Amino acid sequence: MISEDGFKLQASLDRIKHVVIVLSGKGGVGKSTVSANLATSMSMRGYQVGLLDVDITGPNIPKMFGLEGEGLDVQNEKLIPVPVPPSMKIMSMAFLLQSEDTPVLWRGPVKMTAIRQFIEDVEWGDLDYLVIDMPPGTGDEALSIIQLIPKADGMVIVTTPQELSLLDARKTVSFSAQSGIPIIGLVENMSGFACPHCGKVTDIFKSGGGEAAAKELNMQFLGKVPIEAGVGLSGDKGLPIVIDDQDSVSAKAFESIADKIIKTVEKK
């Protein structure tokens, strides 16, 4: 028998056509930047998009959209996500904190209660896509979130070219297999440095490791996103690079990756 909470959760998910989970085996690989730009790319195509920031202890998504200090409205006992043009809604733990500098000193069960509310007590409305920016890693927290969203269409794994990051990406593949949610593909972020003057990409740290790992693990390689000064600068001023500089190397990479994700999900 489904509990009352189970019915609320199902009712919320029933109005969402597709759920895409963005995750990484470790922190610091640019997962939130990838999530923000992919959700924005989908919105720019006319899709109704939700962006759910469930990184409870490090909610960075509002900063990337210039939404620091925003509060949440409540209507009919439902939280109303913050609207972002052209057709996106954002929900983040940061909107519930008194200050962006406030640490979240919660134990696991309290975090999971908050995350469940983010999903079932938010009035998302009708969405074409819900993009979920996961906390880093593949521990209990990530597994508990996945169990709340069994209808997810798939996962997008974010890694960097370095071998240590790729080892964590392989762990994420195992995590996907255990959770029963398919992998849409892998993104190699910070893949070379894009010169701000000529646009040429130089492989400072390494490049191609993500593509090789995707081939080895028999998954789709979604694309490479270089290190580009404009990505950080655009995020700091609250505009994802796909809006702030559409002709940049990174913006074009994100657009291509979004295309592949949409085609994969809708074909399935």
Protein backbone atom coordinates (compact mmCIF):
# COMPACT_ATOMS: atom_id res chain seq x y z
CA MET A 1 0.00 0.00 0.00
CA ILE A 2 1.31 3.47 -0.92
CA SER A 3 1.52 5.92 2.00
CA GLU A 4 0.08 9.43 1.91
CA ASP A 5 3.60 10.77 1.41
CA GLY A 6 4.03 8.27 -1.42
CA PHE A 7 0.91 9.57 -3.15
CA LYS A 8 2.14 13.18 -2.79
CA LEU A 9 5.49 12.25 -4.26
CA GLN A 10 3.93 10.36 -7.17
CA ALA A 11 1.48 13.20 -7.86
CA SER A 12 4.36 15.64 -8.11
CA LEU A 13 6.40 13.41 -10.42
CA ASP A 14 3.43 12.58 -12.66
CA ARG A 15 3.46 16.14 -14.06
CA ILE A 16 7.11 15.86 -15.09
CA LYS A 17 7.79 14.21 -18.44
CA HIS A 18 11.52 13.62 -18.14
CA VAL A 19 13.96 13.57 -15.22
CA VAL A 20 17.70 13.91 -15.87
CA ILE A 21 20.09 13.41 -12.95
CA VAL A 22 23.51 15.09 -13.12
CA LEU A 23 26.07 13.52 -10.80
CA SER A 24 29.77 12.95 -10.27
CA GLY A 25 31.89 10.56 -8.27
CA LYS A 26 33.68 13.44 -6.52
CA GLY A 27 33.37 17.15 -5.88
CA GLY A 28 35.12 19.92 -7.77
CA VAL A 29 34.48 18.68 -11.31
CA GLY A 30 32.00 21.41 -12.27
CA LYS A 31 28.81 19.40 -11.88
CA SER A 32 26.68 22.42 -10.91
CA THR A 33 28.04 24.45 -13.82
CA VAL A 34 27.12 21.62 -16.19
CA SER A 35 23.64 21.31 -14.62
CA ALA A 36 22.97 25.05 -14.87
CA ASN A 37 24.03 25.33 -18.49
CA LEU A 38 22.21 22.18 -19.61
CA ALA A 39 18.96 23.31 -17.95
CA THR A 40 19.33 26.76 -19.50
CA SER A 41 20.02 25.27 -22.94
CA MET A 42 16.82 23.22 -22.70
CA SER A 43 14.86 26.27 -21.58
CA MET A 44 16.21 28.29 -24.52
CA ARG A 45 14.78 25.62 -26.83
CA GLY A 46 11.29 26.29 -25.47
CA TYR A 47 11.05 23.40 -23.02
CA GLN A 48 9.49 23.92 -19.60
CA VAL A 49 12.40 23.10 -17.30
CA GLY A 50 12.87 22.66 -13.56
CA LEU A 51 16.31 22.79 -11.97
CA LEU A 52 16.49 21.11 -8.55
CA ASP A 53 19.62 21.77 -6.50
CA VAL A 54 19.79 18.93 -3.96
CA ASP A 55 23.37 19.61 -2.92
CA ILE A 56 22.21 20.50 0.57
CA THR A 57 25.57 21.49 2.05
CA GLY A 58 26.87 23.32 -1.04
CA PRO A 59 23.91 24.83 -2.95
CA ASN A 60 25.61 26.85 -5.70
CA ILE A 61 22.88 27.03 -8.33
CA PRO A 62 21.23 30.31 -7.11
CA LYS A 63 24.60 32.12 -7.33
CA MET A 64 24.94 31.03 -10.95
CA PHE A 65 21.62 32.70 -11.79
CA GLY A 66 22.02 35.83 -9.66
CA LEU A 67 19.33 34.68 -7.24
CA GLU A 68 21.15 35.13 -3.93
CA GLY A 69 18.81 36.39 -1.24
CA GLU A 70 15.69 35.15 -3.00
CA GLY A 71 12.94 33.75 -0.79
CA LEU A 72 10.18 31.27 -1.57
CA ASP A 73 6.45 31.83 -1.77
CA VAL A 74 3.97 29.28 -0.44
CA GLN A 75 0.60 28.68 -2.09
CA ASN A 76 -1.87 26.00 -1.00
CA GLU A 77 0.82 24.50 1.26
CA LYS A 78 3.18 24.14 -1.71
CA LEU A 79 6.55 25.82 -2.19
CA ILE A 80 6.71 27.89 -5.38
CA PRO A 81 10.08 27.61 -7.15
CA VAL A 82 11.82 30.76 -8.33
CA PRO A 83 11.04 31.51 -12.01
CA VAL A 84 13.90 32.23 -14.40
CA PRO A 85 13.35 33.35 -18.03
CA PRO A 86 12.70 32.08 -20.58
CA SER A 87 10.94 29.00 -19.14
CA MET A 88 12.74 27.65 -16.10
CA LYS A 89 11.99 27.17 -12.40
CA ILE A 90 14.67 26.74 -9.74
CA MET A 91 14.50 25.17 -6.30
CA SER A 92 17.49 25.14 -3.94
CA MET A 93 18.29 24.78 -0.27
CA ALA A 94 19.96 28.18 -0.53
CA PHE A 95 16.53 29.83 -0.75
CA LEU A 96 15.73 28.56 2.76
CA LEU A 97 18.93 29.74 4.41
CA GLN A 98 19.24 33.08 6.17
CA SER A 99 22.52 33.79 4.41
CA GLU A 100 24.57 32.18 1.65
CA ASP A 101 27.36 31.91 4.25
CA THR A 102 25.18 29.86 6.63
CA PRO A 103 26.52 26.30 6.98
CA VAL A 104 24.05 23.42 6.92
CA LEU A 105 24.89 21.27 9.94
CA TRP A 106 22.30 18.54 9.41
CA ARG A 107 22.59 14.83 9.86
CA GLY A 108 21.51 12.41 7.13
CA PRO A 109 17.85 11.86 8.13
CA VAL A 110 17.19 15.62 8.35
CA LYS A 111 18.76 16.15 4.93
CA MET A 112 16.59 13.45 3.42
CA THR A 113 13.44 14.97 4.88
CA ALA A 114 14.33 18.30 3.23
CA ILE A 115 15.12 16.65 -0.10
CA ARG A 116 11.85 14.72 -0.08
CA GLN A 117 9.99 17.99 0.52
CA PHE A 118 11.88 19.60 -2.35
CA ILE A 119 10.36 16.99 -4.62
CA GLU A 120 6.87 16.38 -3.26
CA ASP A 121 6.04 19.77 -1.67
CA VAL A 122 7.15 21.96 -4.58
CA GLU A 123 4.60 23.15 -7.10
CA TRP A 124 6.62 22.41 -10.20
CA GLY A 125 3.59 22.42 -12.45
CA ASP A 126 3.90 20.74 -15.84
CA LEU A 127 7.54 20.24 -16.81
CA ASP A 128 9.16 18.80 -19.91
CA TYR A 129 12.42 18.29 -18.03
CA LEU A 130 13.52 18.27 -14.42
CA VAL A 131 17.31 18.52 -14.16
CA ILE A 132 18.60 17.41 -10.76
CA ASP A 133 21.97 18.67 -9.57
CA MET A 134 23.05 15.94 -7.15
CA PRO A 135 25.44 16.18 -4.19
CA PRO A 136 28.90 14.85 -5.07
CA GLY A 137 29.75 11.22 -4.52
CA THR A 138 27.80 7.98 -4.49
CA GLY A 139 27.16 7.46 -0.78
CA ASP A 140 23.99 7.01 1.25
CA GLU A 141 22.74 10.53 0.50
CA ALA A 142 22.88 10.05 -3.27
CA LEU A 143 21.36 6.58 -3.05
CA SER A 144 18.46 7.85 -0.91
CA ILE A 145 17.73 10.61 -3.43
CA ILE A 146 17.76 8.13 -6.31
CA GLN A 147 15.29 5.92 -4.46
CA LEU A 148 12.89 8.85 -4.25
CA ILE A 149 12.96 9.30 -8.05
CA PRO A 150 12.61 5.83 -9.58
CA LYS A 151 11.12 7.23 -12.79
CA ALA A 152 14.28 9.14 -13.76
CA ASP A 153 15.12 8.82 -17.46
CA GLY A 154 18.83 8.59 -16.84
CA MET A 155 22.03 9.95 -15.39
CA VAL A 156 24.61 12.29 -16.85
CA ILE A 157 28.05 11.65 -15.35
CA VAL A 158 30.44 14.60 -15.10
CA THR A 159 34.18 13.97 -14.87
CA THR A 160 37.48 15.68 -15.66
CA PRO A 161 40.31 14.24 -17.78
CA GLN A 162 42.55 13.30 -14.85
CA GLU A 163 42.84 9.63 -13.99
CA LEU A 164 41.72 10.09 -10.34
CA SER A 165 38.49 11.71 -11.48
CA LEU A 166 37.96 8.96 -14.04
CA LEU A 167 38.32 6.33 -11.32
CA ASP A 168 35.44 8.04 -9.50
CA ALA A 169 33.44 8.14 -12.73
CA ARG A 170 33.79 4.36 -12.98
CA LYS A 171 32.42 4.07 -9.43
CA THR A 172 29.47 6.18 -10.55
CA VAL A 173 28.79 3.69 -13.34
CA SER A 174 28.59 0.92 -10.75
CA PHE A 175 26.29 3.10 -8.68
CA SER A 176 23.99 3.53 -11.69
CA ALA A 177 23.86 -0.22 -12.24
CA GLN A 178 22.92 -0.82 -8.60
CA SER A 179 20.23 1.88 -8.67
CA GLY A 180 18.63 0.56 -11.87
CA ILE A 181 18.69 3.97 -13.57
CA PRO A 182 20.36 4.00 -17.00
CA ILE A 183 23.26 6.25 -17.93
CA ILE A 184 22.57 8.80 -20.65
CA GLY A 185 26.24 9.54 -21.11
CA LEU A 186 29.44 11.10 -19.82
CA VAL A 187 30.65 14.71 -19.97
CA GLU A 188 34.37 15.51 -19.81
CA ASN A 189 34.53 18.92 -18.12
CA MET A 190 37.65 21.12 -17.83
CA SER A 191 39.01 19.42 -20.93
CA GLY A 192 41.87 21.67 -21.98
CA PHE A 193 42.16 25.46 -21.69
CA ALA A 194 40.39 27.70 -24.22
CA CYS A 195 42.45 30.82 -24.93
CA PRO A 196 40.26 33.94 -24.43
CA HIS A 197 42.02 35.69 -27.34
CA CYS A 198 42.16 33.12 -30.12
CA GLY A 199 39.80 30.41 -28.86
CA LYS A 200 42.41 27.67 -29.37
CA VAL A 201 42.14 24.84 -26.83
CA THR A 202 45.39 23.70 -25.16
CA ASP A 203 45.49 20.45 -23.19
CA ILE A 204 47.12 21.74 -20.00
CA PHE A 205 46.17 18.91 -17.69
CA LYS A 206 45.11 16.23 -20.16
CA SER A 207 42.27 15.58 -22.56
CA GLY A 208 40.38 12.63 -23.92
CA GLY A 209 40.32 10.60 -20.72
CA GLY A 210 36.55 10.93 -20.41
CA GLU A 211 36.01 9.86 -24.00
CA ALA A 212 38.26 6.84 -23.50
CA ALA A 213 36.45 5.92 -20.29
CA ALA A 214 33.07 6.20 -22.02
CA LYS A 215 34.27 3.85 -24.75
CA GLU A 216 35.74 1.42 -22.21
CA LEU A 217 32.51 1.41 -20.18
CA ASN A 218 30.30 1.16 -23.27
CA MET A 219 28.39 4.40 -22.74
CA GLN A 220 27.64 7.44 -24.86
CA PHE A 221 30.25 10.20 -24.79
CA LEU A 222 28.31 13.47 -24.66
CA GLY A 223 31.19 15.85 -25.23
CA LYS A 224 34.08 17.91 -23.88
CA VAL A 225 33.80 21.30 -22.17
CA PRO A 226 37.09 23.22 -21.93
CA ILE A 227 38.34 25.43 -19.11
CA GLU A 228 37.33 28.90 -20.21
CA ALA A 229 37.61 32.10 -18.18
CA GLY A 230 34.20 33.23 -19.39
CA VAL A 231 32.44 30.29 -17.71
CA GLY A 232 33.52 31.37 -14.23
CA LEU A 233 32.97 35.05 -14.94
CA SER A 234 29.49 34.50 -16.33
CA GLY A 235 28.55 32.33 -13.35
CA ASP A 236 29.78 34.99 -10.92
CA LYS A 237 27.53 37.60 -12.49
CA GLY A 238 24.51 35.27 -12.57
CA LEU A 239 24.36 34.37 -16.25
CA PRO A 240 25.20 30.86 -17.51
CA ILE A 241 27.70 30.95 -20.38
CA VAL A 242 25.11 29.66 -22.87
CA ILE A 243 23.31 33.00 -22.41
CA ASP A 244 26.21 35.32 -21.62
CA ASP A 245 28.45 34.34 -24.53
CA GLN A 246 26.66 32.08 -26.98
CA ASP A 247 29.58 32.09 -29.42
CA SER A 248 32.11 30.84 -26.88
CA VAL A 249 33.68 27.39 -27.17
CA SER A 250 32.08 26.31 -23.89
CA ALA A 251 28.59 27.53 -24.81
CA LYS A 252 28.72 25.61 -28.09
CA ALA A 253 29.89 22.52 -26.21
CA PHE A 254 27.02 22.75 -23.73
CA GLU A 255 24.53 23.23 -26.56
CA SER A 256 25.80 20.13 -28.33
CA ILE A 257 25.65 18.10 -25.11
CA ALA A 258 22.08 19.28 -24.45
CA ASP A 259 21.10 18.20 -27.98
CA LYS A 260 22.47 14.71 -27.40
CA ILE A 261 20.71 14.37 -24.06
CA ILE A 262 17.36 15.47 -25.50
CA LYS A 263 17.66 13.12 -28.47
CA THR A 264 18.63 10.19 -26.24
CA VAL A 265 15.85 10.76 -23.73
CA GLU A 266 13.08 11.38 -26.24
CA LYS A 267 14.17 8.49 -28.45
CA LYS A 268 13.92 6.18 -25.46
